[in-house]
C-alpha atoms as a PDB file:
ATOM      1  CA  MET A   1     -25.733  -0.766  13.988  1.00  0.00           C
ATOM      2  CA  ASN A   2     -23.119   0.092  11.390  1.00  0.00           C
ATOM      3  CA  GLN A   3     -20.399  -2.655  11.325  1.00  0.00           C
ATOM      4  CA  TYR A   4     -16.994  -1.967   9.599  1.00  0.00           C
ATOM      5  CA  PRO A   5     -16.911  -3.871   5.700  1.00  0.00           C
ATOM      6  CA  SER A   6     -15.107  -7.158   5.602  1.00  0.00           C
ATOM      7  CA  GLN A   7     -14.075  -7.142   2.347  1.00  0.00           C
ATOM      8  CA  TYR A   8     -10.515  -5.904   1.366  1.00  0.00           C
ATOM      9  CA  ILE A   9      -9.905  -3.715  -1.708  1.00  0.00           C
ATOM     10  CA  ASP A  10      -7.132  -4.904  -3.804  1.00  0.00           C
ATOM     11  CA  CYS A  11      -5.731  -2.266  -6.201  1.00  0.00           C
ATOM     12  CA  ILE A  12      -2.618  -0.812  -7.429  1.00  0.00           C
ATOM     13  CA  CYS A  13      -0.776   1.716  -6.488  1.00  0.00           C
ATOM     14  CA  THR A  14       2.327   3.988  -7.629  1.00  0.00           C
ATOM     15  CA  ILE A  15       5.461   4.106  -4.779  1.00  0.00           C
ATOM     16  CA  ARG A  16       6.477   8.003  -4.571  1.00  0.00           C
ATOM     17  CA  GLU A  17       8.707   8.159  -1.737  1.00  0.00           C
ATOM     18  CA  ARG A  18      10.388   5.992   1.226  1.00  0.00           C
ATOM     19  CA  PHE A  19       9.964   7.356   4.731  1.00  0.00           C
ATOM     20  CA  ALA A  20      10.572   5.233   7.000  1.00  0.00           C
ATOM     21  CA  PRO A  21      12.370   1.282   6.866  1.00  0.00           C
ATOM     22  CA  THR A  22       9.218  -0.342   6.059  1.00  0.00           C
ATOM     23  CA  ALA A  23       6.899   2.591   4.877  1.00  0.00           C
ATOM     24  CA  PHE A  24       6.225   4.304   1.764  1.00  0.00           C
ATOM     25  CA  HIS A  25       4.071   7.272   0.353  1.00  0.00           C
ATOM     26  CA  ALA A  26       2.137   6.034  -2.511  1.00  0.00           C
ATOM     27  CA  THR A  27      -0.669   7.536  -4.672  1.00  0.00           C
ATOM     28  CA  LEU A  28      -3.914   5.506  -5.220  1.00  0.00           C
ATOM     29  CA  PRO A  29      -5.314   5.250  -8.626  1.00  0.00           C
ATOM     30  CA  ASN A  30      -8.153   8.060  -7.986  1.00  0.00           C
ATOM     31  CA  GLY A  31      -5.251  10.579  -7.116  1.00  0.00           C
ATOM     32  CA  LYS A  32      -5.598  10.186  -3.316  1.00  0.00           C
ATOM     33  CA  ALA A  33      -2.338  10.069  -1.092  1.00  0.00           C
ATOM     34  CA  THR A  34      -1.886   6.764   1.119  1.00  0.00           C
ATOM     35  CA  VAL A  35       0.609   5.072   3.211  1.00  0.00           C
ATOM     36  CA  ALA A  36       1.841   1.523   1.925  1.00  0.00           C
ATOM     37  CA  PHE A  37       3.396  -0.794   4.369  1.00  0.00           C
ATOM     38  CA  VAL A  38       5.479  -3.743   3.549  1.00  0.00           C
ATOM     39  CA  GLN A  39       4.871  -6.744   6.184  1.00  0.00           C
ATOM     40  CA  LEU A  40       7.570  -8.719   7.556  1.00  0.00           C
ATOM     41  CA  LYS A  41       6.704 -11.942   5.424  1.00  0.00           C
ATOM     42  CA  GLU A  42       7.063  -9.963   2.301  1.00  0.00           C
ATOM     43  CA  ALA A  43      10.588  -8.125   3.626  1.00  0.00           C
ATOM     44  CA  HIS A  44      12.124  -9.013   0.469  1.00  0.00           C
ATOM     45  CA  LEU A  45      10.543  -6.245  -1.497  1.00  0.00           C
ATOM     46  CA  LEU A  46      12.354  -3.901   0.648  1.00  0.00           C
ATOM     47  CA  ASP A  47      15.238  -4.083  -1.223  1.00  0.00           C
ATOM     48  CA  ILE A  48      13.422  -3.993  -4.441  1.00  0.00           C
ATOM     49  CA  ILE A  49      10.928  -0.740  -4.313  1.00  0.00           C
ATOM     50  CA  LYS A  50      11.885   2.220  -5.571  1.00  0.00           C
ATOM     51  CA  PRO A  51      10.154   5.443  -6.106  1.00  0.00           C
ATOM     52  CA  GLY A  52       8.045   5.436  -9.383  1.00  0.00           C
ATOM     53  CA  ASP A  53       7.353   1.759  -8.915  1.00  0.00           C
ATOM     54  CA  LYS A  54       3.822   0.184  -9.091  1.00  0.00           C
ATOM     55  CA  VAL A  55       3.139  -2.355  -6.271  1.00  0.00           C
ATOM     56  CA  ASN A  56      -0.009  -4.520  -5.380  1.00  0.00           C
ATOM     57  CA  VAL A  57      -1.548  -3.528  -2.376  1.00  0.00           C
ATOM     58  CA  THR A  58      -4.746  -4.227   0.045  1.00  0.00           C
ATOM     59  CA  ILE A  59      -6.613  -1.377   1.421  1.00  0.00           C
ATOM     60  CA  CYS A  60      -9.337  -1.614   4.179  1.00  0.00           C
ATOM     61  CA  PRO A  61     -12.520   0.275   3.088  1.00  0.00           C
ATOM     62  CA  ALA A  62     -12.704   1.817   6.470  1.00  0.00           C
ATOM     63  CA  ASP A  63      -9.298   3.315   6.214  1.00  0.00           C
ATOM     64  CA  PHE A  64      -8.085   4.412   2.522  1.00  0.00           C
ATOM     65  CA  GLU A  65      -4.873   6.094   4.378  1.00  0.00           C
ATOM     66  CA  ARG A  66      -3.139   2.964   4.854  1.00  0.00           C
ATOM     67  CA  ALA A  67      -2.423   0.136   2.393  1.00  0.00           C
ATOM     68  CA  ARG A  68      -0.527  -3.172   2.725  1.00  0.00           C
ATOM     69  CA  ILE A  69       1.989  -3.967  -0.070  1.00  0.00           C
ATOM     70  CA  ARG A  70       1.666  -7.647  -1.110  1.00  0.00           C
ATOM     71  CA  SER A  71       3.903  -7.680  -4.283  1.00  0.00           C
ATOM     72  CA  MET A  72       5.256  -5.702  -7.291  1.00  0.00           C
ATOM     73  CA  VAL A  73       3.201  -5.430 -10.659  1.00  0.00           C
END
């Protein structure tokens, strides 16, 4: 029986653009596109993050299309 991986991947993404109040289009280090979200506990980042910025994100290995922004680089 296949199980989803329990380990999360930490990496650095480059922000391309903001498209929702808490969501950004971003690029992973391998060039793939992802949607990066800011959680409520990191809401202070919403005023800081701009296109071209690099951010630390956490990604679930089962879904590389969504990333959680943890901090600025």
